[in-house]
Protein backbone atom coordinates (compact mmCIF):
# COMPACT_ATOMS: atom_id res chain seq x y z
CA MET A 1 3.25 -21.37 -7.54
CA THR A 2 0.74 -20.65 -4.77
CA GLU A 3 -2.59 -19.01 -5.50
CA LEU A 4 -1.49 -15.90 -3.59
CA ALA A 5 1.70 -15.64 -5.62
CA HIS A 6 -0.34 -15.97 -8.84
CA VAL A 7 -2.73 -13.19 -7.75
CA ASP A 8 0.23 -11.01 -6.80
CA MET A 9 1.82 -11.54 -10.23
CA THR A 10 -1.51 -10.77 -11.92
CA HIS A 11 -1.88 -7.52 -9.97
CA ARG A 12 1.71 -6.56 -10.70
CA ALA A 13 1.20 -7.18 -14.40
CA ALA A 14 -2.02 -5.14 -14.38
CA ILE A 15 -0.32 -2.26 -12.58
CA SER A 16 2.64 -2.38 -14.95
CA GLU A 17 0.36 -2.37 -17.99
CA ALA A 18 -1.75 0.50 -16.64
CA LEU A 19 1.29 2.60 -15.75
CA ALA A 20 2.79 1.99 -19.19
CA LEU A 21 -0.43 3.31 -20.76
CA ILE A 22 -0.51 6.32 -18.43
CA PHE A 23 3.09 7.25 -19.13
CA SER A 24 2.60 6.70 -22.85
CA GLY A 25 -0.35 9.06 -22.68
CA ILE A 26 1.69 11.60 -20.71
CA ALA A 27 4.41 11.46 -23.34
CA LYS A 28 1.82 12.13 -26.07
CA LEU A 29 0.36 15.05 -24.11
CA ASN A 30 3.87 16.48 -23.52
CA ALA A 31 4.67 16.24 -27.23
CA ARG A 32 1.46 18.09 -28.15
CA PHE A 33 1.43 20.63 -25.29
CA PRO A 34 5.08 21.17 -24.23
CA ASP A 35 4.25 24.08 -21.91
CA LYS A 36 2.48 21.74 -19.48
CA ALA A 37 4.23 19.21 -17.26
CA PHE A 38 1.47 16.54 -16.94
CA THR A 39 3.35 15.12 -13.96
CA ILE A 40 1.90 12.01 -12.39
CA ASP A 41 2.26 13.46 -8.88
CA GLY A 42 -1.01 15.35 -8.82
CA ARG A 43 -0.74 17.87 -11.62
CA LEU A 44 -1.85 15.49 -14.35
CA VAL A 45 -5.59 16.01 -13.86
CA GLY A 46 -5.16 19.77 -13.42
CA ASP A 47 -3.01 20.08 -16.52
CA ILE A 48 -5.55 18.13 -18.58
CA GLY A 49 -8.30 20.41 -17.28
CA GLU A 50 -6.30 23.48 -18.25
CA ILE A 51 -5.81 22.14 -21.78
CA VAL A 52 -9.56 21.47 -22.08
CA ALA A 53 -10.16 25.08 -20.97
CA LEU A 54 -7.56 26.40 -23.42
CA LEU A 55 -9.11 24.53 -26.33
CA GLU A 56 -12.78 25.23 -25.56
CA TYR A 57 -12.90 28.56 -23.73
CA ASP A 58 -11.74 32.13 -24.27
CA ILE A 59 -8.70 31.76 -22.04
CA GLU A 60 -4.96 32.14 -22.42
CA LEU A 61 -3.03 30.10 -19.88
CA TYR A 62 -0.20 31.66 -17.91
CA PRO A 63 3.19 30.15 -18.84
CA VAL A 64 3.98 29.41 -15.19
CA GLN A 65 1.75 28.09 -12.43
CA THR A 66 0.34 30.69 -10.02
CA LEU A 67 -1.54 30.29 -6.75
CA ALA A 68 -4.94 31.79 -7.52
CA HIS A 69 -5.34 31.90 -11.31
CA ASP A 70 -4.34 29.73 -14.28
CA GLY A 71 -5.04 32.17 -17.08
CA ILE A 72 -6.78 35.23 -18.40
CA THR A 73 -9.69 35.86 -20.76
CA SER A 74 -9.43 38.11 -23.79
CA ASP A 75 -11.30 40.82 -21.87
CA GLY A 76 -8.77 40.72 -19.01
CA ARG A 77 -10.55 38.64 -16.38
CA LYS A 78 -8.45 36.13 -14.41
CA VAL A 79 -9.55 32.48 -14.35
CA GLN A 80 -8.80 29.52 -12.14
CA VAL A 81 -9.40 26.15 -13.82
CA LYS A 82 -10.14 23.09 -11.71
CA ALA A 83 -10.72 19.59 -13.02
CA THR A 84 -11.64 16.30 -11.41
CA PHE A 85 -12.61 12.73 -12.15
CA LYS A 86 -14.46 12.62 -8.81
CA GLU A 87 -17.71 14.02 -7.42
CA HIS A 88 -16.19 17.19 -5.98
CA LEU A 89 -14.06 20.16 -7.00
CA SER A 90 -11.71 22.15 -4.80
CA MET A 91 -10.77 25.76 -4.20
CA THR A 92 -8.10 27.27 -1.98
CA THR A 93 -8.20 30.98 -2.71
CA VAL A 94 -11.18 32.87 -4.11
CA PRO A 95 -10.45 33.56 -7.79
CA GLU A 96 -11.99 36.22 -9.98
CA LEU A 97 -13.51 33.50 -12.20
CA TYR A 98 -13.69 29.78 -11.50
CA LEU A 99 -14.10 27.19 -14.26
CA GLY A 100 -14.78 23.70 -12.90
CA ILE A 101 -14.73 20.70 -15.21
CA GLN A 102 -15.50 17.04 -14.54
CA LEU A 103 -13.45 14.70 -16.73
CA SER A 104 -14.37 11.14 -17.72
CA PRO A 105 -12.01 8.27 -18.49
CA ASP A 106 -13.31 8.19 -22.10
CA GLY A 107 -11.99 11.74 -22.63
CA SER A 108 -15.33 13.50 -22.44
CA HIS A 109 -15.99 16.25 -19.92
CA VAL A 110 -18.78 18.32 -18.42
CA GLU A 111 -18.71 21.93 -17.31
CA ILE A 112 -19.68 21.96 -13.62
CA TYR A 113 -19.28 25.61 -12.70
CA ASN A 114 -18.42 28.67 -14.76
CA GLY A 115 -18.56 32.02 -13.05
CA PRO A 116 -17.29 34.29 -10.30
CA GLY A 117 -15.34 32.65 -7.51
CA SER A 118 -17.05 35.06 -5.14
CA LEU A 119 -20.39 33.27 -5.66
CA ILE A 120 -18.83 30.02 -4.46
CA ALA A 121 -17.32 31.86 -1.50
CA GLN A 122 -20.74 33.36 -0.63
CA LYS A 123 -22.54 30.02 -0.93
CA PHE A 124 -20.01 28.24 1.26
CA SER A 125 -19.14 31.12 3.62
CA HIS A 126 -20.09 28.89 6.55
CA ARG A 127 -17.13 26.59 5.82
CA ALA A 128 -14.14 27.17 8.10
CA GLY A 129 -10.92 27.96 6.24
CA LEU A 130 -12.51 29.23 3.05
CA GLY A 131 -9.86 31.29 1.26
CA GLU A 132 -7.11 29.93 3.51
CA LYS A 133 -6.92 26.20 2.83
CA GLN A 134 -8.08 23.83 0.12
CA LEU A 135 -11.73 22.93 0.50
CA SER A 136 -13.83 20.52 -1.58
CA PHE A 137 -17.31 21.28 -2.85
CA PRO A 138 -19.87 18.76 -4.17
CA ILE A 139 -20.34 18.82 -7.92
CA THR A 140 -24.12 18.82 -7.54
CA ALA A 141 -24.03 22.00 -5.42
CA LEU A 142 -21.67 23.73 -7.87
CA GLN A 143 -23.88 22.74 -10.83
CA GLU A 144 -26.91 24.28 -9.13
CA LEU A 145 -24.96 27.44 -8.28
CA SER A 146 -23.70 27.68 -11.87
CA LYS A 147 -27.31 27.87 -13.09
CA THR A 148 -27.60 31.25 -11.33
CA VAL A 149 -24.60 32.80 -13.12
CA LEU A 150 -25.36 35.38 -15.79
CA ALA A 151 -23.91 34.79 -19.27
CA THR A 152 -21.85 37.99 -18.95
CA GLN A 153 -20.20 36.60 -15.79
CA ARG A 154 -18.98 33.40 -17.46
CA VAL A 155 -15.82 32.50 -19.34
CA ARG A 156 -17.00 32.52 -22.97
CA ARG A 157 -16.68 29.40 -25.06
CA ARG A 158 -14.54 29.61 -28.18
CA GLN A 159 -16.34 29.86 -31.49
CA VAL A 160 -15.56 26.74 -33.53
């Protein structure tokens, strides 16, 4: 066997092993949270973020996916939840409330932004397409903006 063939087999084995773990994890998430799809085609990260929000914040998720909002708080405010493993979060339409979460491979997470979507829209009003197409925003900028949000404007955390 050539060295290239050996490397190719090693990569294939690594990919196969990783995908088996991912799909095993998806199956476990589906068994625990059957209302979420956890599809590998792009919704996986978002669905995990929504579950984090459901478990830790005063939010009830909508049973079906909608364009601008993922759920509602007990006081009737609509919330869009966005999650990422990267250094940016995205927004397409301007939601009433925006809850941005950065996930880590070890399962931990950090709240990046929690507050009115309008504040993000104001801060980035210079960006072409805001409210019309999906735009990405740096986590550091959203963290700084989140520091200016009043407690009454945030999605409350659940009491544990």
